[in-house]
Amino acid sequence: IAFEVAQERGLLGESLHLDTTTLLLYGEYPETEALAQR
């Protein structure tokens, strides 16, 4: 649905900007596998 709406409204322009940032985490966190299974 989002793709259809974006196409119909011309929101899929020729330019696309992607940016990422990382948030560093201090402390202990449960293992990734344990979190993914919850």
ModelCIF file with pLDDT and N, C-alpha, C, O atoms, coordinates in Angstrom:
data_MODEL
#
_entry.id   MODEL 
#
_entity.id                         1 
_entity.type                       polymer 
_entity.pdbx_number_of_molecules   1 
#
_entity_poly.entity_id                      1 
_entity_poly.type                           'polypeptide(L)' 
_entity_poly.nstd_linkage                   no 
_entity_poly.nstd_monomer                   no 
_entity_poly.pdbx_seq_one_letter_code       IAFEVAQERGLLGESLHLDTTTLLLYGEYPETEALAQR 
_entity_poly.pdbx_seq_one_letter_code_can   IAFEVAQERGLLGESLHLDTTTLLLYGEYPETEALAQR 
_entity_poly.pdbx_strand_id                 A 
#
loop_
_entity_poly_seq.entity_id 
_entity_poly_seq.num 
_entity_poly_seq.mon_id 
_entity_poly_seq.hetero 
1 1  ILE n 
1 2  ALA n 
1 3  PHE n 
1 4  GLU n 
1 5  VAL n 
1 6  ALA n 
1 7  GLN n 
1 8  GLU n 
1 9  ARG n 
1 10 GLY n 
1 11 LEU n 
1 12 LEU n 
1 13 GLY n 
1 14 GLU n 
1 15 SER n 
1 16 LEU n 
1 17 HIS n 
1 18 LEU n 
1 19 ASP n 
1 20 THR n 
1 21 THR n 
1 22 THR n 
1 23 LEU n 
1 24 LEU n 
1 25 LEU n 
1 26 TYR n 
1 27 GLY n 
1 28 GLU n 
1 29 TYR n 
1 30 PRO n 
1 31 GLU n 
1 32 THR n 
1 33 GLU n 
1 34 ALA n 
1 35 LEU n 
1 36 ALA n 
1 37 GLN n 
1 38 ARG n 
#
_struct_asym.id          A 
_struct_asym.entity_id   1 
#
loop_
_ma_qa_metric.id 
_ma_qa_metric.mode 
_ma_qa_metric.name 
_ma_qa_metric.software_group_id 
_ma_qa_metric.type 
1 global pLDDT . pLDDT 
2 local  pLDDT . pLDDT 
#
_ma_qa_metric_global.metric_id      1 
_ma_qa_metric_global.metric_value   75.87 
_ma_qa_metric_global.model_id       1 
_ma_qa_metric_global.ordinal_id     1 
#
loop_
_ma_qa_metric_local.label_asym_id 
_ma_qa_metric_local.label_comp_id 
_ma_qa_metric_local.label_seq_id 
_ma_qa_metric_local.metric_id 
_ma_qa_metric_local.metric_value 
_ma_qa_metric_local.model_id 
_ma_qa_metric_local.ordinal_id 
A ILE 1  2 94.00 1 1  
A ALA 2  2 90.00 1 2  
A PHE 3  2 90.00 1 3  
A GLU 4  2 92.00 1 4  
A VAL 5  2 90.00 1 5  
A ALA 6  2 86.00 1 6  
A GLN 7  2 87.00 1 7  
A GLU 8  2 89.00 1 8  
A ARG 9  2 85.00 1 9  
A GLY 10 2 80.00 1 10 
A LEU 11 2 76.00 1 11 
A LEU 12 2 75.00 1 12 
A GLY 13 2 66.00 1 13 
A GLU 14 2 62.00 1 14 
A SER 15 2 66.00 1 15 
A LEU 16 2 70.00 1 16 
A HIS 17 2 76.00 1 17 
A LEU 18 2 79.00 1 18 
A ASP 19 2 83.00 1 19 
A THR 20 2 82.00 1 20 
A THR 21 2 82.00 1 21 
A THR 22 2 80.00 1 22 
A LEU 23 2 81.00 1 23 
A LEU 24 2 79.00 1 24 
A LEU 25 2 79.00 1 25 
A TYR 26 2 76.00 1 26 
A GLY 27 2 73.00 1 27 
A GLU 28 2 72.00 1 28 
A TYR 29 2 69.00 1 29 
A PRO 30 2 64.00 1 30 
A GLU 31 2 65.00 1 31 
A THR 32 2 60.00 1 32 
A GLU 33 2 62.00 1 33 
A ALA 34 2 66.00 1 34 
A LEU 35 2 60.00 1 35 
A ALA 36 2 61.00 1 36 
A GLN 37 2 68.00 1 37 
A ARG 38 2 68.00 1 38 
#
loop_
_atom_site.group_PDB 
_atom_site.id 
_atom_site.type_symbol 
_atom_site.label_atom_id 
_atom_site.label_alt_id 
_atom_site.label_comp_id 
_atom_site.label_asym_id 
_atom_site.label_entity_id 
_atom_site.label_seq_id 
_atom_site.pdbx_PDB_ins_code 
_atom_site.Cartn_x 
_atom_site.Cartn_y 
_atom_site.Cartn_z 
_atom_site.occupancy 
_atom_site.B_iso_or_equiv 
_atom_site.pdbx_formal_charge 
_atom_site.auth_seq_id 
_atom_site.auth_comp_id 
_atom_site.auth_asym_id 
_atom_site.auth_atom_id 
_atom_site.pdbx_PDB_model_num 
ATOM 1   N N  . ILE A 1 1  ? 0.839  -1.211  0.000  1.00 94.00 ? 1  ILE A N  1 
ATOM 2   C CA . ILE A 1 1  ? 0.000  0.000   0.000  1.00 94.00 ? 1  ILE A CA 1 
ATOM 3   C C  . ILE A 1 1  ? 0.867  1.250   0.000  1.00 94.00 ? 1  ILE A C  1 
ATOM 4   O O  . ILE A 1 1  ? 0.580  2.197   -0.733 1.00 94.00 ? 1  ILE A O  1 
ATOM 5   N N  . ALA A 1 2  ? 1.919  1.272   0.805  1.00 90.00 ? 2  ALA A N  1 
ATOM 6   C CA . ALA A 1 2  ? 2.805  2.442   0.847  1.00 90.00 ? 2  ALA A CA 1 
ATOM 7   C C  . ALA A 1 2  ? 3.448  2.686   -0.517 1.00 90.00 ? 2  ALA A C  1 
ATOM 8   O O  . ALA A 1 2  ? 3.567  3.833   -0.947 1.00 90.00 ? 2  ALA A O  1 
ATOM 9   N N  . PHE A 1 3  ? 3.863  1.622   -1.200 1.00 90.00 ? 3  PHE A N  1 
ATOM 10  C CA . PHE A 1 3  ? 4.472  1.763   -2.516 1.00 90.00 ? 3  PHE A CA 1 
ATOM 11  C C  . PHE A 1 3  ? 3.459  2.305   -3.530 1.00 90.00 ? 3  PHE A C  1 
ATOM 12  O O  . PHE A 1 3  ? 3.790  3.181   -4.329 1.00 90.00 ? 3  PHE A O  1 
ATOM 13  N N  . GLU A 1 4  ? 2.221  1.785   -3.499 1.00 92.00 ? 4  GLU A N  1 
ATOM 14  C CA . GLU A 1 4  ? 1.177  2.286   -4.404 1.00 92.00 ? 4  GLU A CA 1 
ATOM 15  C C  . GLU A 1 4  ? 0.938  3.772   -4.196 1.00 92.00 ? 4  GLU A C  1 
ATOM 16  O O  . GLU A 1 4  ? 0.899  4.542   -5.155 1.00 92.00 ? 4  GLU A O  1 
ATOM 17  N N  . VAL A 1 5  ? 0.778  4.174   -2.933 1.00 90.00 ? 5  VAL A N  1 
ATOM 18  C CA . VAL A 1 5  ? 0.516  5.581   -2.622 1.00 90.00 ? 5  VAL A CA 1 
ATOM 19  C C  . VAL A 1 5  ? 1.694  6.441   -3.056 1.00 90.00 ? 5  VAL A C  1 
ATOM 20  O O  . VAL A 1 5  ? 1.500  7.507   -3.640 1.00 90.00 ? 5  VAL A O  1 
ATOM 21  N N  . ALA A 1 6  ? 2.910  5.990   -2.778 1.00 86.00 ? 6  ALA A N  1 
ATOM 22  C CA . ALA A 1 6  ? 4.096  6.760   -3.168 1.00 86.00 ? 6  ALA A CA 1 
ATOM 23  C C  . ALA A 1 6  ? 4.190  6.916   -4.683 1.00 86.00 ? 6  ALA A C  1 
ATOM 24  O O  . ALA A 1 6  ? 4.561  7.982   -5.175 1.00 86.00 ? 6  ALA A O  1 
ATOM 25  N N  . GLN A 1 7  ? 3.853  5.847   -5.432 1.00 87.00 ? 7  GLN A N  1 
ATOM 26  C CA . GLN A 1 7  ? 3.862  5.928   -6.893 1.00 87.00 ? 7  GLN A CA 1 
ATOM 27  C C  . GLN A 1 7  ? 2.802  6.911   -7.388 1.00 87.00 ? 7  GLN A C  1 
ATOM 28  O O  . GLN A 1 7  ? 3.094  7.771   -8.220 1.00 87.00 ? 7  GLN A O  1 
ATOM 29  N N  . GLU A 1 8  ? 1.586  6.788   -6.886 1.00 89.00 ? 8  GLU A N  1 
ATOM 30  C CA . GLU A 1 8  ? 0.483  7.642   -7.330 1.00 89.00 ? 8  GLU A CA 1 
ATOM 31  C C  . GLU A 1 8  ? 0.738  9.111   -7.036 1.00 89.00 ? 8  GLU A C  1 
ATOM 32  O O  . GLU A 1 8  ? 0.340  9.974   -7.818 1.00 89.00 ? 8  GLU A O  1 
ATOM 33  N N  . ARG A 1 9  ? 1.383  9.403   -5.943 1.00 85.00 ? 9  ARG A N  1 
ATOM 34  C CA . ARG A 1 9  ? 1.592  10.793  -5.528 1.00 85.00 ? 9  ARG A CA 1 
ATOM 35  C C  . ARG A 1 9  ? 2.946  11.349  -5.950 1.00 85.00 ? 9  ARG A C  1 
ATOM 36  O O  . ARG A 1 9  ? 3.312  12.464  -5.577 1.00 85.00 ? 9  ARG A O  1 
ATOM 37  N N  . GLY A 1 10 ? 3.681  10.571  -6.723 1.00 80.00 ? 10 GLY A N  1 
ATOM 38  C CA . GLY A 1 10 ? 4.970  11.053  -7.221 1.00 80.00 ? 10 GLY A CA 1 
ATOM 39  C C  . GLY A 1 10 ? 6.004  11.241  -6.124 1.00 80.00 ? 10 GLY A C  1 
ATOM 40  O O  . GLY A 1 10 ? 6.851  12.128  -6.223 1.00 80.00 ? 10 GLY A O  1 
ATOM 41  N N  . LEU A 1 11 ? 5.952  10.435  -5.096 1.00 76.00 ? 11 LEU A N  1 
ATOM 42  C CA . LEU A 1 11 ? 6.896  10.568  -3.996 1.00 76.00 ? 11 LEU A CA 1 
ATOM 43  C C  . LEU A 1 11 ? 8.180  9.785   -4.218 1.00 76.00 ? 11 LEU A C  1 
ATOM 44  O O  . LEU A 1 11 ? 9.130  9.903   -3.444 1.00 76.00 ? 11 LEU A O  1 
ATOM 45  N N  . LEU A 1 12 ? 8.204  8.990   -5.270 1.00 75.00 ? 12 LEU A N  1 
ATOM 46  C CA . LEU A 1 12 ? 9.402  8.223   -5.585 1.00 75.00 ? 12 LEU A CA 1 
ATOM 47  C C  . LEU A 1 12 ? 10.227 9.016   -6.591 1.00 75.00 ? 12 LEU A C  1 
ATOM 48  O O  . LEU A 1 12 ? 10.248 8.705   -7.781 1.00 75.00 ? 12 LEU A O  1 
ATOM 49  N N  . GLY A 1 13 ? 10.903 10.039  -6.094 1.00 66.00 ? 13 GLY A N  1 
ATOM 50  C CA . GLY A 1 13 ? 11.664 10.928  -6.957 1.00 66.00 ? 13 GLY A CA 1 
ATOM 51  C C  . GLY A 1 13 ? 12.935 10.287  -7.468 1.00 66.00 ? 13 GLY A C  1 
ATOM 52  O O  . GLY A 1 13 ? 13.244 9.136   -7.160 1.00 66.00 ? 13 GLY A O  1 
ATOM 53  N N  . GLU A 1 14 ? 13.657 11.051  -8.250 1.00 62.00 ? 14 GLU A N  1 
ATOM 54  C CA . GLU A 1 14 ? 14.903 10.547  -8.808 1.00 62.00 ? 14 GLU A CA 1 
ATOM 55  C C  . GLU A 1 14 ? 16.021 10.583  -7.783 1.00 62.00 ? 14 GLU A C  1 
ATOM 56  O O  . GLU A 1 14 ? 17.001 9.846   -7.897 1.00 62.00 ? 14 GLU A O  1 
ATOM 57  N N  . SER A 1 15 ? 15.874 11.443  -6.776 1.00 66.00 ? 15 SER A N  1 
ATOM 58  C CA . SER A 1 15 ? 16.931 11.527  -5.760 1.00 66.00 ? 15 SER A CA 1 
ATOM 59  C C  . SER A 1 15 ? 16.446 10.868  -4.472 1.00 66.00 ? 15 SER A C  1 
ATOM 60  O O  . SER A 1 15 ? 15.283 10.971  -4.081 1.00 66.00 ? 15 SER A O  1 
ATOM 61  N N  . LEU A 1 16 ? 17.375 10.203  -3.848 1.00 70.00 ? 16 LEU A N  1 
ATOM 62  C CA . LEU A 1 16 ? 17.079 9.503   -2.614 1.00 70.00 ? 16 LEU A CA 1 
ATOM 63  C C  . LEU A 1 16 ? 18.271 9.702   -1.701 1.00 70.00 ? 16 LEU A C  1 
ATOM 64  O O  . LEU A 1 16 ? 19.412 9.494   -2.114 1.00 70.00 ? 16 LEU A O  1 
ATOM 65  N N  . HIS A 1 17 ? 18.023 10.102  -0.469 1.00 76.00 ? 17 HIS A N  1 
ATOM 66  C CA . HIS A 1 17 ? 19.115 10.314  0.470  1.00 76.00 ? 17 HIS A CA 1 
ATOM 67  C C  . HIS A 1 17 ? 18.929 9.359   1.641  1.00 76.00 ? 17 HIS A C  1 
ATOM 68  O O  . HIS A 1 17 ? 17.869 9.332   2.268  1.00 76.00 ? 17 HIS A O  1 
ATOM 69  N N  . LEU A 1 18 ? 19.948 8.588   1.929  1.00 79.00 ? 18 LEU A N  1 
ATOM 70  C CA . LEU A 1 18 ? 19.946 7.639   3.039  1.00 79.00 ? 18 LEU A CA 1 
ATOM 71  C C  . LEU A 1 18 ? 21.029 8.037   4.018  1.00 79.00 ? 18 LEU A C  1 
ATOM 72  O O  . LEU A 1 18 ? 22.169 8.290   3.629  1.00 79.00 ? 18 LEU A O  1 
ATOM 73  N N  . ASP A 1 19 ? 20.670 8.092   5.289  1.00 83.00 ? 19 ASP A N  1 
ATOM 74  C CA . ASP A 1 19 ? 21.654 8.400   6.313  1.00 83.00 ? 19 ASP A CA 1 
ATOM 75  C C  . ASP A 1 19 ? 21.434 7.448   7.483  1.00 83.00 ? 19 ASP A C  1 
ATOM 76  O O  . ASP A 1 19 ? 20.300 7.094   7.805  1.00 83.00 ? 19 ASP A O  1 
ATOM 77  N N  . THR A 1 20 ? 22.515 7.045   8.105  1.00 82.00 ? 20 THR A N  1 
ATOM 78  C CA . THR A 1 20 ? 22.425 6.184   9.275  1.00 82.00 ? 20 THR A CA 1 
ATOM 79  C C  . THR A 1 20 ? 23.271 6.771   10.393 1.00 82.00 ? 20 THR A C  1 
ATOM 80  O O  . THR A 1 20 ? 24.212 7.528   10.153 1.00 82.00 ? 20 THR A O  1 
ATOM 81  N N  . THR A 1 21 ? 22.925 6.415   11.591 1.00 82.00 ? 21 THR A N  1 
ATOM 82  C CA . THR A 1 21 ? 23.736 6.763   12.747 1.00 82.00 ? 21 THR A CA 1 
ATOM 83  C C  . THR A 1 21 ? 23.702 5.586   13.704 1.00 82.00 ? 21 THR A C  1 
ATOM 84  O O  . THR A 1 21 ? 22.741 4.817   13.725 1.00 82.00 ? 21 THR A O  1 
ATOM 85  N N  . THR A 1 22 ? 24.741 5.451   14.483 1.00 80.00 ? 22 THR A N  1 
ATOM 86  C CA . THR A 1 22 ? 24.787 4.370   15.454 1.00 80.00 ? 22 THR A CA 1 
ATOM 87  C C  . THR A 1 22 ? 24.695 4.947   16.851 1.00 80.00 ? 22 THR A C  1 
ATOM 88  O O  . THR A 1 22 ? 25.305 5.968   17.167 1.00 80.00 ? 22 THR A O  1 
ATOM 89  N N  . LEU A 1 23 ? 23.924 4.275   17.671 1.00 81.00 ? 23 LEU A N  1 
ATOM 90  C CA . LEU A 1 23 ? 23.818 4.649   19.072 1.00 81.00 ? 23 LEU A CA 1 
ATOM 91  C C  . LEU A 1 23 ? 24.613 3.620   19.869 1.00 81.00 ? 23 LEU A C  1 
ATOM 92  O O  . LEU A 1 23 ? 24.251 2.445   19.918 1.00 81.00 ? 23 LEU A O  1 
ATOM 93  N N  . LEU A 1 24 ? 25.682 4.066   20.482 1.00 79.00 ? 24 LEU A N  1 
ATOM 94  C CA . LEU A 1 24 ? 26.514 3.165   21.263 1.00 79.00 ? 24 LEU A CA 1 
ATOM 95  C C  . LEU A 1 24 ? 25.855 2.920   22.611 1.00 79.00 ? 24 LEU A C  1 
ATOM 96  O O  . LEU A 1 24 ? 25.328 3.843   23.232 1.00 79.00 ? 24 LEU A O  1 
ATOM 97  N N  . LEU A 1 25 ? 25.888 1.680   23.053 1.00 79.00 ? 25 LEU A N  1 
ATOM 98  C CA . LEU A 1 25 ? 25.223 1.302   24.291 1.00 79.00 ? 25 LEU A CA 1 
ATOM 99  C C  . LEU A 1 25 ? 26.243 0.812   25.307 1.00 79.00 ? 25 LEU A C  1 
ATOM 100 O O  . LEU A 1 25 ? 27.057 -0.066  25.019 1.00 79.00 ? 25 LEU A O  1 
ATOM 101 N N  . TYR A 1 26 ? 26.187 1.386   26.485 1.00 76.00 ? 26 TYR A N  1 
ATOM 102 C CA . TYR A 1 26 ? 27.065 0.990   27.574 1.00 76.00 ? 26 TYR A CA 1 
ATOM 103 C C  . TYR A 1 26 ? 26.267 0.092   28.516 1.00 76.00 ? 26 TYR A C  1 
ATOM 104 O O  . TYR A 1 26 ? 25.057 0.271   28.656 1.00 76.00 ? 26 TYR A O  1 
ATOM 105 N N  . GLY A 1 27 ? 26.912 -0.852  29.152 1.00 73.00 ? 27 GLY A N  1 
ATOM 106 C CA . GLY A 1 27 ? 26.228 -1.735  30.083 1.00 73.00 ? 27 GLY A CA 1 
ATOM 107 C C  . GLY A 1 27 ? 26.055 -3.117  29.490 1.00 73.00 ? 27 GLY A C  1 
ATOM 108 O O  . GLY A 1 27 ? 26.527 -3.399  28.389 1.00 73.00 ? 27 GLY A O  1 
ATOM 109 N N  . GLU A 1 28 ? 25.368 -3.981  30.236 1.00 72.00 ? 28 GLU A N  1 
ATOM 110 C CA . GLU A 1 28 ? 25.165 -5.347  29.793 1.00 72.00 ? 28 GLU A CA 1 
ATOM 111 C C  . GLU A 1 28 ? 23.766 -5.507  29.214 1.00 72.00 ? 28 GLU A C  1 
ATOM 112 O O  . GLU A 1 28 ? 22.797 -4.966  29.746 1.00 72.00 ? 28 GLU A O  1 
ATOM 113 N N  . TYR A 1 29 ? 23.672 -6.253  28.125 1.00 69.00 ? 29 TYR A N  1 
ATOM 114 C CA . TYR A 1 29 ? 22.410 -6.529  27.463 1.00 69.00 ? 29 TYR A CA 1 
ATOM 115 C C  . TYR A 1 29 ? 22.294 -8.033  27.260 1.00 69.00 ? 29 TYR A C  1 
ATOM 116 O O  . TYR A 1 29 ? 23.297 -8.711  27.035 1.00 69.00 ? 29 TYR A O  1 
ATOM 117 N N  . PRO A 1 30 ? 21.074 -8.558  27.340 1.00 64.00 ? 30 PRO A N  1 
ATOM 118 C CA . PRO A 1 30 ? 20.922 -10.004 27.091 1.00 64.00 ? 30 PRO A CA 1 
ATOM 119 C C  . PRO A 1 30 ? 21.414 -10.351 25.689 1.00 64.00 ? 30 PRO A C  1 
ATOM 120 O O  . PRO A 1 30 ? 21.489 -9.491  24.812 1.00 64.00 ? 30 PRO A O  1 
ATOM 121 N N  . GLU A 1 31 ? 21.741 -11.604 25.500 1.00 65.00 ? 31 GLU A N  1 
ATOM 122 C CA . GLU A 1 31 ? 22.213 -12.056 24.198 1.00 65.00 ? 31 GLU A CA 1 
ATOM 123 C C  . GLU A 1 31 ? 21.147 -11.814 23.126 1.00 65.00 ? 31 GLU A C  1 
ATOM 124 O O  . GLU A 1 31 ? 19.949 -11.879 23.403 1.00 65.00 ? 31 GLU A O  1 
ATOM 125 N N  . THR A 1 32 ? 21.589 -11.539 21.926 1.00 60.00 ? 32 THR A N  1 
ATOM 126 C CA . THR A 1 32 ? 20.716 -11.238 20.801 1.00 60.00 ? 32 THR A CA 1 
ATOM 127 C C  . THR A 1 32 ? 19.701 -12.355 20.555 1.00 60.00 ? 32 THR A C  1 
ATOM 128 O O  . THR A 1 32 ? 18.527 -12.078 20.311 1.00 60.00 ? 32 THR A O  1 
ATOM 129 N N  . GLU A 1 33 ? 20.138 -13.602 20.617 1.00 62.00 ? 33 GLU A N  1 
ATOM 130 C CA . GLU A 1 33 ? 19.233 -14.726 20.354 1.00 62.00 ? 33 GLU A CA 1 
ATOM 131 C C  . GLU A 1 33 ? 18.105 -14.772 21.376 1.00 62.00 ? 33 GLU A C  1 
ATOM 132 O O  . GLU A 1 33 ? 16.954 -15.029 21.024 1.00 62.00 ? 33 GLU A O  1 
ATOM 133 N N  . ALA A 1 34 ? 18.434 -14.522 22.642 1.00 66.00 ? 34 ALA A N  1 
ATOM 134 C CA . ALA A 1 34 ? 17.418 -14.550 23.696 1.00 66.00 ? 34 ALA A CA 1 
ATOM 135 C C  . ALA A 1 34 ? 16.374 -13.452 23.477 1.00 66.00 ? 34 ALA A C  1 
ATOM 136 O O  . ALA A 1 34 ? 15.183 -13.679 23.688 1.00 66.00 ? 34 ALA A O  1 
ATOM 137 N N  . LEU A 1 35 ? 16.813 -12.274 23.058 1.00 60.00 ? 35 LEU A N  1 
ATOM 138 C CA . LEU A 1 35 ? 15.868 -11.177 22.796 1.00 60.00 ? 35 LEU A CA 1 
ATOM 139 C C  . LEU A 1 35 ? 14.997 -11.478 21.586 1.00 60.00 ? 35 LEU A C  1 
ATOM 140 O O  . LEU A 1 35 ? 13.795 -11.212 21.605 1.00 60.00 ? 35 LEU A O  1 
ATOM 141 N N  . ALA A 1 36 ? 15.585 -12.025 20.544 1.00 61.00 ? 36 ALA A N  1 
ATOM 142 C CA . ALA A 1 36 ? 14.843 -12.292 19.303 1.00 61.00 ? 36 ALA A CA 1 
ATOM 143 C C  . ALA A 1 36 ? 13.753 -13.320 19.504 1.00 61.00 ? 36 ALA A C  1 
ATOM 144 O O  . ALA A 1 36 ? 12.758 -13.306 18.780 1.00 61.00 ? 36 ALA A O  1 
ATOM 145 N N  . GLN A 1 37 ? 13.912 -14.214 20.469 1.00 68.00 ? 37 GLN A N  1 
ATOM 146 C CA . GLN A 1 37 ? 12.922 -15.258 20.696 1.00 68.00 ? 37 GLN A CA 1 
ATOM 147 C C  . GLN A 1 37 ? 11.768 -14.802 21.572 1.00 68.00 ? 37 GLN A C  1 
ATOM 148 O O  . GLN A 1 37 ? 10.740 -15.477 21.618 1.00 68.00 ? 37 GLN A O  1 
ATOM 149 N N  . ARG A 1 38 ? 11.901 -13.694 22.261 1.00 68.00 ? 38 ARG A N  1 
ATOM 150 C CA . ARG A 1 38 ? 10.819 -13.196 23.119 1.00 68.00 ? 38 ARG A CA 1 
ATOM 151 C C  . ARG A 1 38 ? 9.761  -12.521 22.257 1.00 68.00 ? 38 ARG A C  1 
ATOM 152 O O  . ARG A 1 38 ? 8.760  -12.031 22.779 1.00 68.00 ? 38 ARG A O  1 
#
